[in-house]
PDB file of N, CA and C in Angstrom:
ATOM      1  N   MET A   1     -42.345  15.863  61.768  1.00  0.00           N
ATOM      2  CA  MET A   1     -42.700  16.095  60.015  1.00  0.00           C
ATOM      3  C   MET A   1     -43.388  17.300  59.816  1.00  0.00           C
ATOM      4  N   GLN A   2     -42.844  17.733  58.572  1.00  0.00           N
ATOM      5  CA  GLN A   2     -43.401  19.082  57.781  1.00  0.00           C
ATOM      6  C   GLN A   2     -44.079  18.502  56.499  1.00  0.00           C
ATOM      7  N   LEU A   3     -45.457  18.312  55.886  1.00  0.00           N
ATOM      8  CA  LEU A   3     -45.439  18.002  54.877  1.00  0.00           C
ATOM      9  C   LEU A   3     -46.308  19.227  53.659  1.00  0.00           C
ATOM     10  N   GLY A   4     -45.620  19.276  52.809  1.00  0.00           N
ATOM     11  CA  GLY A   4     -46.072  20.553  51.794  1.00  0.00           C
ATOM     12  C   GLY A   4     -46.630  19.360  50.785  1.00  0.00           C
ATOM     13  N   LEU A   5     -48.366  20.516  50.386  1.00  0.00           N
ATOM     14  CA  LEU A   5     -48.567  20.105  49.489  1.00  0.00           C
ATOM     15  C   LEU A   5     -48.876  21.361  48.581  1.00  0.00           C
ATOM     16  N   VAL A   6     -48.511  21.016  47.247  1.00  0.00           N
ATOM     17  CA  VAL A   6     -48.879  22.163  45.937  1.00  0.00           C
ATOM     18  C   VAL A   6     -50.023  21.144  45.419  1.00  0.00           C
ATOM     19  N   ILE A   7     -50.641  22.209  45.353  1.00  0.00           N
ATOM     20  CA  ILE A   7     -52.183  21.884  44.346  1.00  0.00           C
ATOM     21  C   ILE A   7     -52.257  22.445  43.286  1.00  0.00           C
ATOM     22  N   THR A   8     -52.312  21.880  42.216  1.00  0.00           N
ATOM     23  CA  THR A   8     -52.224  22.644  40.853  1.00  0.00           C
ATOM     24  C   THR A   8     -53.871  22.768  40.178  1.00  0.00           C
ATOM     25  N   ASP A   9     -54.450  21.733  40.681  1.00  0.00           N
ATOM     26  CA  ASP A   9     -56.207  21.522  39.998  1.00  0.00           C
ATOM     27  C   ASP A   9     -57.256  21.513  41.121  1.00  0.00           C
ATOM     28  N   GLU A  10     -58.261  21.954  40.832  1.00  0.00           N
ATOM     29  CA  GLU A  10     -59.368  21.870  41.797  1.00  0.00           C
ATOM     30  C   GLU A  10     -59.859  20.197  41.588  1.00  0.00           C
ATOM     31  N   ARG A  11     -59.165  19.685  40.865  1.00  0.00           N
ATOM     32  CA  ARG A  11     -59.755  18.478  40.742  1.00  0.00           C
ATOM     33  C   ARG A  11     -59.291  17.252  41.821  1.00  0.00           C
ATOM     34  N   HIS A  12     -58.549  17.972  42.508  1.00  0.00           N
ATOM     35  CA  HIS A  12     -57.589  17.277  43.597  1.00  0.00           C
ATOM     36  C   HIS A  12     -57.804  17.901  44.798  1.00  0.00           C
ATOM     37  N   LEU A  13     -59.395  18.082  45.229  1.00  0.00           N
ATOM     38  CA  LEU A  13     -59.978  18.464  46.201  1.00  0.00           C
ATOM     39  C   LEU A  13     -60.167  17.196  47.232  1.00  0.00           C
ATOM     40  N   ALA A  14     -60.458  16.058  46.926  1.00  0.00           N
ATOM     41  CA  ALA A  14     -61.002  15.174  47.746  1.00  0.00           C
ATOM     42  C   ALA A  14     -59.192  14.627  48.232  1.00  0.00           C
ATOM     43  N   HIS A  15     -58.469  14.569  47.383  1.00  0.00           N
ATOM     44  CA  HIS A  15     -57.114  13.959  47.746  1.00  0.00           C
ATOM     45  C   HIS A  15     -56.499  14.690  48.731  1.00  0.00           C
ATOM     46  N   ALA A  16     -56.715  16.444  48.755  1.00  0.00           N
ATOM     47  CA  ALA A  16     -56.056  17.098  49.427  1.00  0.00           C
ATOM     48  C   ALA A  16     -56.371  16.841  50.756  1.00  0.00           C
ATOM     49  N   ASN A  17     -57.841  16.994  50.846  1.00  0.00           N
ATOM     50  CA  ASN A  17     -58.447  17.030  52.182  1.00  0.00           C
ATOM     51  C   ASN A  17     -57.698  15.786  52.840  1.00  0.00           C
ATOM     52  N   GLY A  18     -58.106  14.515  52.110  1.00  0.00           N
ATOM     53  CA  GLY A  18     -57.839  13.420  52.749  1.00  0.00           C
ATOM     54  C   GLY A  18     -56.193  13.440  53.041  1.00  0.00           C
ATOM     55  N   LEU A  19     -55.165  14.043  52.495  1.00  0.00           N
ATOM     56  CA  LEU A  19     -54.149  14.204  53.099  1.00  0.00           C
ATOM     57  C   LEU A  19     -53.583  15.245  53.836  1.00  0.00           C
ATOM     58  N   LEU A  20     -54.533  16.126  54.157  1.00  0.00           N
ATOM     59  CA  LEU A  20     -54.731  16.925  55.593  1.00  0.00           C
ATOM     60  C   LEU A  20     -55.059  16.454  56.909  1.00  0.00           C
ATOM     61  N   ASP A  21     -55.807  15.705  56.472  1.00  0.00           N
ATOM     62  CA  ASP A  21     -56.968  14.726  57.159  1.00  0.00           C
ATOM     63  C   ASP A  21     -55.577  14.061  57.912  1.00  0.00           C
ATOM     64  N   ALA A  22     -55.276  13.054  57.254  1.00  0.00           N
ATOM     65  CA  ALA A  22     -53.881  11.806  57.605  1.00  0.00           C
ATOM     66  C   ALA A  22     -52.732  12.526  58.045  1.00  0.00           C
ATOM     67  N   ALA A  23     -52.097  14.086  57.779  1.00  0.00           N
ATOM     68  CA  ALA A  23     -51.285  14.589  58.254  1.00  0.00           C
ATOM     69  C   ALA A  23     -51.292  14.779  59.522  1.00  0.00           C
ATOM     70  N   ALA A  24     -52.667  15.398  59.944  1.00  0.00           N
ATOM     71  CA  ALA A  24     -52.982  16.145  61.091  1.00  0.00           C
ATOM     72  C   ALA A  24     -53.530  14.890  62.319  1.00  0.00           C
ATOM     73  N   ALA A  25     -53.926  13.827  62.001  1.00  0.00           N
ATOM     74  CA  ALA A  25     -53.826  12.384  62.618  1.00  0.00           C
ATOM     75  C   ALA A  25     -52.182  12.148  63.467  1.00  0.00           C
ATOM     76  N   ARG A  26     -51.384  12.260  62.360  1.00  0.00           N
ATOM     77  CA  ARG A  26     -50.508  11.879  62.673  1.00  0.00           C
ATOM     78  C   ARG A  26     -48.999  12.946  63.526  1.00  0.00           C
ATOM     79  N   GLY A  27     -50.009  14.008  63.267  1.00  0.00           N
ATOM     80  CA  GLY A  27     -49.134  15.393  64.271  1.00  0.00           C
ATOM     81  C   GLY A  27     -48.662  15.923  63.385  1.00  0.00           C
ATOM     82  N   TRP A  28     -48.287  15.676  61.933  1.00  0.00           N
ATOM     83  CA  TRP A  28     -47.813  16.126  60.909  1.00  0.00           C
ATOM     84  C   TRP A  28     -48.258  17.864  61.104  1.00  0.00           C
ATOM     85  N   ASP A  29     -47.165  18.816  60.573  1.00  0.00           N
ATOM     86  CA  ASP A  29     -47.473  20.162  60.030  1.00  0.00           C
ATOM     87  C   ASP A  29     -47.702  19.985  58.530  1.00  0.00           C
ATOM     88  N   ALA A  30     -48.617  20.366  58.279  1.00  0.00           N
ATOM     89  CA  ALA A  30     -48.809  20.481  56.564  1.00  0.00           C
ATOM     90  C   ALA A  30     -49.418  21.811  56.088  1.00  0.00           C
ATOM     91  N   GLN A  31     -48.641  22.011  55.451  1.00  0.00           N
ATOM     92  CA  GLN A  31     -48.671  23.334  54.486  1.00  0.00           C
ATOM     93  C   GLN A  31     -49.162  22.949  53.035  1.00  0.00           C
ATOM     94  N   CYS A  32     -49.874  24.265  52.683  1.00  0.00           N
ATOM     95  CA  CYS A  32     -50.831  24.286  50.862  1.00  0.00           C
ATOM     96  C   CYS A  32     -50.521  25.219  50.343  1.00  0.00           C
ATOM     97  N   PHE A  33     -49.433  25.119  49.383  1.00  0.00           N
ATOM     98  CA  PHE A  33     -49.557  26.090  47.756  1.00  0.00           C
ATOM     99  C   PHE A  33     -50.570  26.073  47.078  1.00  0.00           C
ATOM    100  N   LEU A  34     -51.533  27.128  46.711  1.00  0.00           N
ATOM    101  CA  LEU A  34     -52.595  26.819  45.578  1.00  0.00           C
ATOM    102  C   LEU A  34     -52.063  27.796  44.367  1.00  0.00           C
ATOM    103  N   THR A  35     -52.247  27.128  43.536  1.00  0.00           N
ATOM    104  CA  THR A  35     -52.070  27.647  42.171  1.00  0.00           C
ATOM    105  C   THR A  35     -52.731  26.978  40.902  1.00  0.00           C
ATOM    106  N   ASP A  36     -52.752  28.106  40.023  1.00  0.00           N
ATOM    107  CA  ASP A  36     -53.356  27.681  38.656  1.00  0.00           C
ATOM    108  C   ASP A  36     -55.097  27.062  39.352  1.00  0.00           C
ATOM    109  N   THR A  37     -55.576  25.991  38.770  1.00  0.00           N
ATOM    110  CA  THR A  37     -57.307  26.238  39.282  1.00  0.00           C
ATOM    111  C   THR A  37     -57.166  25.555  40.743  1.00  0.00           C
ATOM    112  N   GLY A  38     -56.206  25.502  41.567  1.00  0.00           N
ATOM    113  CA  GLY A  38     -55.779  24.749  42.350  1.00  0.00           C
ATOM    114  C   GLY A  38     -56.444  25.807  43.607  1.00  0.00           C
ATOM    115  N   VAL A  39     -56.503  26.999  43.418  1.00  0.00           N
ATOM    116  CA  VAL A  39     -56.462  28.258  44.140  1.00  0.00           C
ATOM    117  C   VAL A  39     -58.504  28.195  44.515  1.00  0.00           C
ATOM    118  N   ASN A  40     -58.996  27.041  43.543  1.00  0.00           N
ATOM    119  CA  ASN A  40     -60.564  27.313  43.930  1.00  0.00           C
ATOM    120  C   ASN A  40     -60.817  26.076  44.966  1.00  0.00           C
ATOM    121  N   LEU A  41     -59.714  25.608  45.409  1.00  0.00           N
ATOM    122  CA  LEU A  41     -60.268  24.785  46.884  1.00  0.00           C
ATOM    123  C   LEU A  41     -60.367  25.486  47.859  1.00  0.00           C
ATOM    124  N   LEU A  42     -60.744  26.696  47.741  1.00  0.00           N
ATOM    125  CA  LEU A  42     -61.081  27.614  48.631  1.00  0.00           C
ATOM    126  C   LEU A  42     -62.281  27.898  48.423  1.00  0.00           C
ATOM    127  N   ALA A  43     -63.113  27.298  47.663  1.00  0.00           N
ATOM    128  CA  ALA A  43     -64.671  27.541  47.609  1.00  0.00           C
ATOM    129  C   ALA A  43     -65.210  26.688  48.163  1.00  0.00           C
ATOM    130  N   ASP A  44     -64.448  25.577  48.699  1.00  0.00           N
ATOM    131  CA  ASP A  44     -64.965  24.340  49.298  1.00  0.00           C
ATOM    132  C   ASP A  44     -64.749  24.534  50.952  1.00  0.00           C
ATOM    133  N   ALA A  45     -66.117  24.636  51.925  1.00  0.00           N
ATOM    134  CA  ALA A  45     -66.239  24.733  52.779  1.00  0.00           C
ATOM    135  C   ALA A  45     -65.733  23.804  53.739  1.00  0.00           C
ATOM    136  N   GLY A  46     -64.882  22.737  53.387  1.00  0.00           N
ATOM    137  CA  GLY A  46     -64.274  21.528  53.920  1.00  0.00           C
ATOM    138  C   GLY A  46     -62.972  21.922  54.042  1.00  0.00           C
ATOM    139  N   PHE A  47     -62.494  22.707  53.059  1.00  0.00           N
ATOM    140  CA  PHE A  47     -60.774  22.805  52.603  1.00  0.00           C
ATOM    141  C   PHE A  47     -60.476  24.066  53.682  1.00  0.00           C
ATOM    142  N   VAL A  48     -61.466  25.103  53.508  1.00  0.00           N
ATOM    143  CA  VAL A  48     -61.379  26.203  54.287  1.00  0.00           C
ATOM    144  C   VAL A  48     -61.447  26.182  55.931  1.00  0.00           C
ATOM    145  N   GLY A  49     -62.607  25.046  56.185  1.00  0.00           N
ATOM    146  CA  GLY A  49     -62.332  24.618  57.663  1.00  0.00           C
ATOM    147  C   GLY A  49     -61.262  24.393  58.273  1.00  0.00           C
ATOM    148  N   ARG A  50     -60.542  23.570  57.404  1.00  0.00           N
ATOM    149  CA  ARG A  50     -59.231  22.948  57.660  1.00  0.00           C
ATOM    150  C   ARG A  50     -58.503  23.886  57.790  1.00  0.00           C
ATOM    151  N   ALA A  51     -58.436  24.742  56.713  1.00  0.00           N
ATOM    152  CA  ALA A  51     -57.372  25.631  57.194  1.00  0.00           C
ATOM    153  C   ALA A  51     -57.464  27.009  58.220  1.00  0.00           C
ATOM    154  N   ARG A  52     -58.835  27.152  58.695  1.00  0.00           N
ATOM    155  CA  ARG A  52     -59.321  27.990  59.541  1.00  0.00           C
ATOM    156  C   ARG A  52     -58.823  27.300  61.153  1.00  0.00           C
ATOM    157  N   VAL A  53     -58.393  25.931  60.907  1.00  0.00           N
ATOM    158  CA  VAL A  53     -57.842  25.323  62.175  1.00  0.00           C
ATOM    159  C   VAL A  53     -56.502  25.632  62.414  1.00  0.00           C
ATOM    160  N   ARG A  54     -55.688  25.973  60.879  1.00  0.00           N
ATOM    161  CA  ARG A  54     -54.363  26.151  60.935  1.00  0.00           C
ATOM    162  C   ARG A  54     -54.423  27.258  59.978  1.00  0.00           C
ATOM    163  N   PRO A  55     -54.565  28.815  61.110  1.00  0.00           N
ATOM    164  CA  PRO A  55     -54.030  29.866  60.184  1.00  0.00           C
ATOM    165  C   PRO A  55     -52.584  30.167  59.573  1.00  0.00           C
ATOM    166  N   ASN A  56     -52.893  30.576  58.180  1.00  0.00           N
ATOM    167  CA  ASN A  56     -51.391  30.797  57.296  1.00  0.00           C
ATOM    168  C   ASN A  56     -51.148  29.317  57.184  1.00  0.00           C
ATOM    169  N   SER A  57     -51.416  28.153  57.088  1.00  0.00           N
ATOM    170  CA  SER A  57     -51.096  27.085  56.455  1.00  0.00           C
ATOM    171  C   SER A  57     -51.118  27.072  54.916  1.00  0.00           C
ATOM    172  N   VAL A  58     -52.010  27.867  54.594  1.00  0.00           N
ATOM    173  CA  VAL A  58     -52.736  27.833  52.885  1.00  0.00           C
ATOM    174  C   VAL A  58     -51.910  29.191  52.663  1.00  0.00           C
ATOM    175  N   SER A  59     -51.261  29.261  51.323  1.00  0.00           N
ATOM    176  CA  SER A  59     -50.943  30.198  50.775  1.00  0.00           C
ATOM    177  C   SER A  59     -51.495  29.692  49.038  1.00  0.00           C
ATOM    178  N   LEU A  60     -51.691  30.901  48.632  1.00  0.00           N
ATOM    179  CA  LEU A  60     -51.855  30.951  47.185  1.00  0.00           C
ATOM    180  C   LEU A  60     -51.025  31.889  46.184  1.00  0.00           C
ATOM    181  N   CYS A  61     -51.291  31.749  44.854  1.00  0.00           N
ATOM    182  CA  CYS A  61     -50.726  32.534  43.879  1.00  0.00           C
ATOM    183  C   CYS A  61     -51.554  33.575  43.215  1.00  0.00           C
ATOM    184  N   GLU A  62     -51.649  34.758  43.618  1.00  0.00           N
ATOM    185  CA  GLU A  62     -52.898  35.928  43.693  1.00  0.00           C
ATOM    186  C   GLU A  62     -53.139  35.570  42.298  1.00  0.00           C
ATOM    187  N   HIS A  63     -51.936  35.813  40.850  1.00  0.00           N
ATOM    188  CA  HIS A  63     -52.144  35.856  39.979  1.00  0.00           C
ATOM    189  C   HIS A  63     -53.136  34.673  39.529  1.00  0.00           C
ATOM    190  N   SER A  64     -53.233  33.801  40.089  1.00  0.00           N
ATOM    191  CA  SER A  64     -54.035  32.208  39.578  1.00  0.00           C
ATOM    192  C   SER A  64     -55.249  32.680  40.037  1.00  0.00           C
ATOM    193  N   ALA A  65     -55.143  33.114  41.288  1.00  0.00           N
ATOM    194  CA  ALA A  65     -56.582  33.580  41.654  1.00  0.00           C
ATOM    195  C   ALA A  65     -57.713  34.371  41.102  1.00  0.00           C
ATOM    196  N   GLU A  66     -56.720  35.627  40.560  1.00  0.00           N
ATOM    197  CA  GLU A  66     -57.576  36.583  39.832  1.00  0.00           C
ATOM    198  C   GLU A  66     -57.866  36.106  38.371  1.00  0.00           C
ATOM    199  N   ARG A  67     -56.958  34.989  37.819  1.00  0.00           N
ATOM    200  CA  ARG A  67     -57.256  34.265  36.453  1.00  0.00           C
ATOM    201  C   ARG A  67     -58.292  33.368  36.758  1.00  0.00           C
ATOM    202  N   TYR A  68     -58.266  32.475  37.596  1.00  0.00           N
ATOM    203  CA  TYR A  68     -59.335  31.257  37.396  1.00  0.00           C
ATOM    204  C   TYR A  68     -60.569  30.895  38.933  1.00  0.00           C
ATOM    205  N   ALA A  69     -60.388  32.046  39.992  1.00  0.00           N
ATOM    206  CA  ALA A  69     -61.302  32.100  40.660  1.00  0.00           C
ATOM    207  C   ALA A  69     -62.741  32.398  40.195  1.00  0.00           C
ATOM    208  N   ASP A  70     -62.829  33.385  39.344  1.00  0.00           N
ATOM    209  CA  ASP A  70     -64.240  33.549  38.571  1.00  0.00           C
ATOM    210  C   ASP A  70     -65.483  33.742  39.599  1.00  0.00           C
ATOM    211  N   GLY A  71     -65.096  34.305  41.143  1.00  0.00           N
ATOM    212  CA  GLY A  71     -65.747  35.046  42.076  1.00  0.00           C
ATOM    213  C   GLY A  71     -66.482  33.618  42.528  1.00  0.00           C
ATOM    214  N   ARG A  72     -65.647  32.677  42.207  1.00  0.00           N
ATOM    215  CA  ARG A  72     -65.856  31.517  43.643  1.00  0.00           C
ATOM    216  C   ARG A  72     -65.855  31.581  45.316  1.00  0.00           C
ATOM    217  N   PHE A  73     -65.081  32.699  45.315  1.00  0.00           N
ATOM    218  CA  PHE A  73     -64.611  32.993  46.697  1.00  0.00           C
ATOM    219  C   PHE A  73     -64.080  34.279  46.881  1.00  0.00           C
ATOM    220  N   ASP A  74     -64.045  34.435  48.501  1.00  0.00           N
ATOM    221  CA  ASP A  74     -63.741  36.093  48.508  1.00  0.00           C
ATOM    222  C   ASP A  74     -62.428  36.188  49.241  1.00  0.00           C
ATOM    223  N   LEU A  75     -61.632  36.349  48.630  1.00  0.00           N
ATOM    224  CA  LEU A  75     -59.984  36.434  49.392  1.00  0.00           C
ATOM    225  C   LEU A  75     -60.205  37.482  50.451  1.00  0.00           C
ATOM    226  N   ASN A  76     -61.291  38.398  50.780  1.00  0.00           N
ATOM    227  CA  ASN A  76     -61.421  39.599  51.331  1.00  0.00           C
ATOM    228  C   ASN A  76     -61.717  38.534  52.968  1.00  0.00           C
ATOM    229  N   LEU A  77     -62.360  37.828  52.377  1.00  0.00           N
ATOM    230  CA  LEU A  77     -63.147  37.100  53.792  1.00  0.00           C
ATOM    231  C   LEU A  77     -62.258  35.934  54.209  1.00  0.00           C
ATOM    232  N   LEU A  78     -61.232  35.700  53.803  1.00  0.00           N
ATOM    233  CA  LEU A  78     -60.194  34.706  53.938  1.00  0.00           C
ATOM    234  C   LEU A  78     -58.971  35.469  54.471  1.00  0.00           C
ATOM    235  N   ALA A  79     -58.859  36.514  54.705  1.00  0.00           N
ATOM    236  CA  ALA A  79     -57.722  37.428  54.922  1.00  0.00           C
ATOM    237  C   ALA A  79     -56.857  36.806  56.168  1.00  0.00           C
ATOM    238  N   ASP A  80     -57.569  36.127  56.852  1.00  0.00           N
ATOM    239  CA  ASP A  80     -57.027  36.240  58.420  1.00  0.00           C
ATOM    240  C   ASP A  80     -56.568  34.534  58.658  1.00  0.00           C
ATOM    241  N   VAL A  81     -56.847  34.155  57.504  1.00  0.00           N
ATOM    242  CA  VAL A  81     -56.586  32.813  56.888  1.00  0.00           C
ATOM    243  C   VAL A  81     -55.564  31.816  55.920  1.00  0.00           C
ATOM    244  N   VAL A  82     -55.709  32.813  54.876  1.00  0.00           N
ATOM    245  CA  VAL A  82     -54.762  32.386  53.888  1.00  0.00           C
ATOM    246  C   VAL A  82     -53.942  33.493  53.657  1.00  0.00           C
ATOM    247  N   ILE A  83     -52.601  33.217  52.937  1.00  0.00           N
ATOM    248  CA  ILE A  83     -51.488  34.130  52.570  1.00  0.00           C
ATOM    249  C   ILE A  83     -51.656  34.535  51.374  1.00  0.00           C
ATOM    250  N   VAL A  84     -51.919  35.054  50.607  1.00  0.00           N
ATOM    251  CA  VAL A  84     -51.736  35.847  49.146  1.00  0.00           C
ATOM    252  C   VAL A  84     -50.689  36.035  48.883  1.00  0.00           C
ATOM    253  N   GLY A  85     -50.249  35.606  47.613  1.00  0.00           N
ATOM    254  CA  GLY A  85     -48.549  35.972  47.646  1.00  0.00           C
ATOM    255  C   GLY A  85     -48.696  35.447  46.092  1.00  0.00           C
ATOM    256  N   GLY A  86     -47.355  34.803  45.823  1.00  0.00           N
ATOM    257  CA  GLY A  86     -46.964  34.319  44.591  1.00  0.00           C
ATOM    258  C   GLY A  86     -46.076  33.119  44.719  1.00  0.00           C
ATOM    259  N   GLN A  87     -45.294  33.068  43.428  1.00  0.00           N
ATOM    260  CA  GLN A  87     -44.663  31.451  43.722  1.00  0.00           C
ATOM    261  C   GLN A  87     -43.304  31.600  44.844  1.00  0.00           C
ATOM    262  N   TYR A  88     -43.520  32.973  45.261  1.00  0.00           N
ATOM    263  CA  TYR A  88     -42.174  32.795  46.042  1.00  0.00           C
ATOM    264  C   TYR A  88     -42.363  31.947  47.642  1.00  0.00           C
ATOM    265  N   GLN A  89     -43.809  32.086  47.863  1.00  0.00           N
ATOM    266  CA  GLN A  89     -44.727  31.171  48.879  1.00  0.00           C
ATOM    267  C   GLN A  89     -44.371  29.882  48.819  1.00  0.00           C
ATOM    268  N   ASP A  90     -44.259  29.464  47.424  1.00  0.00           N
ATOM    269  CA  ASP A  90     -44.184  28.093  46.696  1.00  0.00           C
ATOM    270  C   ASP A  90     -42.637  27.527  46.726  1.00  0.00           C
ATOM    271  N   ALA A  91     -41.893  28.365  46.533  1.00  0.00           N
ATOM    272  CA  ALA A  91     -40.403  28.161  47.298  1.00  0.00           C
ATOM    273  C   ALA A  91     -40.030  28.247  48.325  1.00  0.00           C
ATOM    274  N   GLU A  92     -41.016  28.931  49.487  1.00  0.00           N
ATOM    275  CA  GLU A  92     -40.557  28.683  50.881  1.00  0.00           C
ATOM    276  C   GLU A  92     -41.336  27.431  51.370  1.00  0.00           C
ATOM    277  N   LEU A  93     -42.057  27.137  50.956  1.00  0.00           N
ATOM    278  CA  LEU A  93     -42.818  25.784  51.153  1.00  0.00           C
ATOM    279  C   LEU A  93     -41.789  24.765  50.866  1.00  0.00           C
ATOM    280  N   VAL A  94     -41.411  24.748  49.641  1.00  0.00           N
ATOM    281  CA  VAL A  94     -40.540  23.524  49.493  1.00  0.00           C
ATOM    282  C   VAL A  94     -39.391  23.465  50.091  1.00  0.00           C
ATOM    283  N   LYS A  95     -39.232  24.435  50.617  1.00  0.00           N
ATOM    284  CA  LYS A  95     -37.751  24.798  51.340  1.00  0.00           C
ATOM    285  C   LYS A  95     -37.857  24.575  52.738  1.00  0.00           C
ATOM    286  N   LYS A  96     -38.982  24.434  53.296  1.00  0.00           N
ATOM    287  CA  LYS A  96     -38.883  24.580  54.880  1.00  0.00           C
ATOM    288  C   LYS A  96     -39.565  22.986  54.998  1.00  0.00           C
ATOM    289  N   CYS A  97     -40.370  22.416  53.895  1.00  0.00           N
ATOM    290  CA  CYS A  97     -40.721  21.202  54.401  1.00  0.00           C
ATOM    291  C   CYS A  97     -39.998  19.707  54.476  1.00  0.00           C
ATOM    292  N   ASP A  98     -40.141  18.849  55.097  1.00  0.00           N
ATOM    293  CA  ASP A  98     -39.372  17.861  54.899  1.00  0.00           C
ATOM    294  C   ASP A  98     -39.721  17.011  53.461  1.00  0.00           C
ATOM    295  N   LYS A  99     -41.292  16.647  53.148  1.00  0.00           N
ATOM    296  CA  LYS A  99     -41.747  15.821  51.947  1.00  0.00           C
ATOM    297  C   LYS A  99     -42.433  17.187  51.333  1.00  0.00           C
ATOM    298  N   VAL A 100     -42.501  16.890  50.167  1.00  0.00           N
ATOM    299  CA  VAL A 100     -43.835  17.605  49.044  1.00  0.00           C
ATOM    300  C   VAL A 100     -44.237  17.078  48.283  1.00  0.00           C
ATOM    301  N   LEU A 101     -45.622  17.355  48.307  1.00  0.00           N
ATOM    302  CA  LEU A 101     -46.308  16.682  47.208  1.00  0.00           C
ATOM    303  C   LEU A 101     -47.110  17.424  46.159  1.00  0.00           C
ATOM    304  N   VAL A 102     -46.998  17.273  45.122  1.00  0.00           N
ATOM    305  CA  VAL A 102     -47.218  17.923  43.815  1.00  0.00           C
ATOM    306  C   VAL A 102     -48.602  17.326  43.183  1.00  0.00           C
ATOM    307  N   LEU A 103     -49.937  18.248  43.701  1.00  0.00           N
ATOM    308  CA  LEU A 103     -51.043  17.631  42.985  1.00  0.00           C
ATOM    309  C   LEU A 103     -51.351  18.182  41.901  1.00  0.00           C
TER     310      LEU A 103
END
């Protein structure tokens, strides 16, 4: 099972982490796309730690990072973990995942 999470707001951090943990416990492959203020999940050590376990399982909208991150995280330090792109990555996630949740 491939689970896709599209996270549009940083207020969904706890839910995103819970869903990622539940997916991992079931042996599911989880992918995330961060957009709007959801990019700020990359300021959370727990979320980034989950991403480091599965490099390139998290992608984000570069425009959203430029607009909403306000220096909360450094994308250069996450280059080996996160795919920086655009809405194309969102479309790829939707295409390849069995289920997609939008938060």
